[in-house]
N, C-alpha and C. Protein backbone atom coordinates (compact mmCIF):
# COMPACT_ATOMS: atom_id res chain seq x y z
N MET A 1 70.15 105.15 113.33
CA MET A 1 70.74 106.13 113.98
C MET A 1 72.21 106.00 112.81
N ARG A 2 73.03 107.24 113.17
CA ARG A 2 74.26 107.43 112.31
C ARG A 2 75.20 106.82 112.78
N ALA A 3 76.28 106.39 112.52
CA ALA A 3 77.32 105.82 113.08
C ALA A 3 78.57 106.57 112.20
N LEU A 4 79.60 107.46 112.70
CA LEU A 4 80.76 107.79 112.07
C LEU A 4 81.84 107.01 112.94
N LEU A 5 82.55 105.82 112.16
CA LEU A 5 83.39 105.26 112.76
C LEU A 5 84.84 105.68 112.58
N ASP A 6 85.56 106.10 113.73
CA ASP A 6 87.00 106.47 113.71
C ASP A 6 87.63 105.18 112.52
N THR A 7 89.23 105.57 112.12
CA THR A 7 89.84 104.98 111.81
C THR A 7 90.18 103.50 112.62
N HIS A 8 90.13 103.84 114.13
CA HIS A 8 90.67 102.52 114.55
C HIS A 8 89.28 101.83 114.87
N THR A 9 88.28 101.93 114.67
CA THR A 9 87.18 101.35 114.75
C THR A 9 86.75 101.07 113.72
N PHE A 10 87.25 101.54 112.71
CA PHE A 10 86.88 100.87 111.68
C PHE A 10 87.92 99.20 110.99
N LEU A 11 89.33 99.27 111.86
CA LEU A 11 89.82 98.56 111.44
C LEU A 11 89.79 97.58 112.08
N TRP A 12 89.33 97.61 113.55
CA TRP A 12 88.97 96.68 114.59
C TRP A 12 87.51 95.81 113.76
N TRP A 13 86.83 96.75 113.02
CA TRP A 13 85.70 95.93 112.56
C TRP A 13 85.70 95.41 111.29
N ILE A 14 86.59 95.44 110.95
CA ILE A 14 86.79 94.54 108.88
C ILE A 14 87.96 93.42 110.05
N ASP A 15 88.72 93.65 110.84
CA ASP A 15 89.62 92.22 111.37
C ASP A 15 88.77 91.38 112.01
N ASP A 16 87.44 92.21 112.63
CA ASP A 16 86.82 91.20 113.45
C ASP A 16 87.82 91.20 114.77
N ASN A 17 87.97 92.39 115.02
CA ASN A 17 88.90 92.19 116.69
C ASN A 17 88.18 92.22 117.43
N PRO A 18 88.56 91.28 118.61
CA PRO A 18 87.56 90.89 119.97
C PRO A 18 87.55 91.93 120.77
N GLU A 19 88.49 93.05 120.43
CA GLU A 19 88.58 94.11 121.33
C GLU A 19 87.38 95.51 120.98
N LEU A 20 86.46 95.11 120.24
CA LEU A 20 85.39 96.13 119.64
C LEU A 20 84.13 95.54 120.64
N SER A 21 83.76 96.70 121.56
CA SER A 21 82.86 96.16 122.24
C SER A 21 81.59 95.58 121.86
N GLU A 22 80.60 94.93 123.04
CA GLU A 22 79.52 94.65 122.02
C GLU A 22 78.31 95.51 121.96
N VAL A 23 78.53 96.93 122.32
CA VAL A 23 77.75 97.85 122.32
C VAL A 23 77.87 98.11 120.73
N ALA A 24 79.35 98.47 120.49
CA ALA A 24 79.81 98.79 118.95
C ALA A 24 79.65 97.67 118.11
N LEU A 25 79.42 96.56 118.27
CA LEU A 25 79.13 95.46 117.21
C LEU A 25 77.23 95.65 117.37
N ASP A 26 76.97 95.57 118.03
CA ASP A 26 75.49 95.92 117.98
C ASP A 26 75.15 96.93 116.93
N ILE A 27 75.46 98.06 117.36
CA ILE A 27 75.14 99.10 116.08
C ILE A 27 75.92 98.78 114.90
N LEU A 28 77.21 98.12 114.87
CA LEU A 28 77.32 97.93 113.28
C LEU A 28 76.15 96.56 112.58
N ALA A 29 76.00 95.94 113.57
CA ALA A 29 75.41 95.01 113.04
C ALA A 29 73.88 94.74 112.59
N ASP A 30 73.57 96.22 113.51
CA ASP A 30 71.95 96.50 112.92
C ASP A 30 71.91 97.23 111.53
N SER A 31 70.92 96.58 111.19
CA SER A 31 70.99 97.01 109.13
C SER A 31 70.14 98.04 109.18
N GLN A 32 69.68 98.84 110.12
CA GLN A 32 68.59 99.82 110.31
C GLN A 32 69.51 101.33 110.41
N ASN A 33 70.30 100.77 110.67
CA ASN A 33 71.82 101.96 111.38
C ASN A 33 72.47 102.07 110.11
N GLU A 34 73.19 103.43 109.49
CA GLU A 34 73.66 103.93 108.79
C GLU A 34 75.07 104.12 109.04
N ILE A 35 76.16 103.33 108.67
CA ILE A 35 77.21 103.01 109.11
C ILE A 35 78.49 104.48 108.06
N PHE A 36 79.00 105.04 108.64
CA PHE A 36 79.69 106.04 107.53
C PHE A 36 81.40 105.91 108.09
N VAL A 37 82.33 106.42 107.32
CA VAL A 37 83.47 106.18 107.46
C VAL A 37 84.29 107.56 106.60
N SER A 38 84.67 108.19 107.35
CA SER A 38 85.62 109.31 106.59
C SER A 38 86.43 109.38 105.79
N ALA A 39 86.34 110.01 104.96
CA ALA A 39 87.72 109.67 103.66
C ALA A 39 89.03 110.11 104.47
N ALA A 40 88.79 110.60 105.32
CA ALA A 40 90.15 110.95 106.37
C ALA A 40 91.34 109.40 106.60
N THR A 41 90.12 108.65 107.07
CA THR A 41 90.47 107.29 107.43
C THR A 41 91.08 106.90 106.17
N GLY A 42 90.87 106.65 104.98
CA GLY A 42 91.69 106.29 103.86
C GLY A 42 92.81 106.75 103.60
N TRP A 43 92.44 107.97 104.05
CA TRP A 43 94.24 108.67 104.09
C TRP A 43 94.66 108.12 105.13
N GLU A 44 94.49 108.01 106.23
CA GLU A 44 95.44 107.93 107.18
C GLU A 44 95.68 106.34 107.30
N ILE A 45 95.22 105.57 106.95
CA ILE A 45 95.59 103.89 106.44
C ILE A 45 96.89 104.13 105.78
N ALA A 46 96.07 104.74 104.27
CA ALA A 46 97.70 105.18 103.43
C ALA A 46 98.76 105.42 104.11
N ILE A 47 98.56 106.14 104.44
CA ILE A 47 100.28 107.09 105.63
C ILE A 47 100.60 106.02 106.12
N LYS A 48 99.82 105.28 107.41
CA LYS A 48 100.51 104.69 108.37
C LYS A 48 100.87 103.26 107.51
N SER A 49 100.24 102.62 106.59
CA SER A 49 101.01 101.68 106.16
C SER A 49 102.01 102.29 105.31
N ALA A 50 101.97 103.22 104.21
CA ALA A 50 103.35 103.74 103.94
C ALA A 50 104.67 103.70 104.89
N LEU A 51 103.97 104.15 106.14
CA LEU A 51 105.39 104.34 107.04
C LEU A 51 105.84 103.40 108.04
N GLU A 52 104.92 102.13 107.21
CA GLU A 52 105.18 100.44 108.37
C GLU A 52 104.15 100.70 109.23
N ARG A 53 103.67 101.59 109.39
CA ARG A 53 103.32 101.61 111.08
C ARG A 53 101.94 101.18 111.38
N LEU A 54 101.25 100.29 110.34
CA LEU A 54 99.93 99.73 110.13
C LEU A 54 99.96 97.89 109.72
N GLY A 55 99.51 97.41 110.84
CA GLY A 55 99.81 95.87 110.15
C GLY A 55 98.54 95.35 109.82
N VAL A 56 98.63 95.44 108.13
CA VAL A 56 97.13 95.30 107.13
C VAL A 56 97.92 94.26 106.39
N GLU A 57 97.39 93.32 106.07
CA GLU A 57 97.65 92.55 104.73
C GLU A 57 97.11 93.48 103.73
N GLY A 58 97.56 93.43 102.62
CA GLY A 58 97.38 93.53 101.26
C GLY A 58 97.78 94.88 100.87
N ASP A 59 97.05 95.67 100.21
CA ASP A 59 97.26 96.95 99.13
C ASP A 59 96.47 98.00 100.00
N PRO A 60 96.29 98.62 100.79
CA PRO A 60 95.71 99.66 101.28
C PRO A 60 95.22 100.78 100.23
N GLU A 61 96.32 101.29 99.49
CA GLU A 61 95.55 102.27 98.62
C GLU A 61 94.58 101.59 97.75
N ARG A 62 94.60 100.20 96.93
CA ARG A 62 93.79 99.91 96.16
C ARG A 62 92.75 99.06 97.14
N GLY A 63 92.85 99.07 98.42
CA GLY A 63 91.44 98.42 99.03
C GLY A 63 91.56 97.00 99.33
N SER A 64 92.54 96.49 98.65
CA SER A 64 92.80 95.02 98.36
C SER A 64 92.74 94.16 99.90
N PHE A 65 92.85 95.00 101.43
CA PHE A 65 93.33 94.62 102.39
C PHE A 65 91.34 94.42 103.06
N LEU A 66 91.01 94.73 102.00
CA LEU A 66 89.43 94.54 103.25
C LEU A 66 88.61 92.85 102.30
N ASN A 67 89.42 92.59 101.45
CA ASN A 67 88.60 91.09 100.74
C ASN A 67 89.86 89.86 101.60
N ARG A 68 90.10 90.02 102.81
CA ARG A 68 90.84 89.42 103.24
C ARG A 68 90.33 87.66 103.61
């Protein structure tokens, strides 16, 4: 299966947010699935972070928030 994550789902996934559904977690955990994230997701994270409307640690422009 191929899955394209929206920004919200991507952020929940990397943050281990308990709001992410069991179905979504199963899809993400299955190594047979291909998980995609749009380039627009990076753009959206950078913009919302610059506007201080996104609560992430690190520097989204450098991807350092992914390595918490």
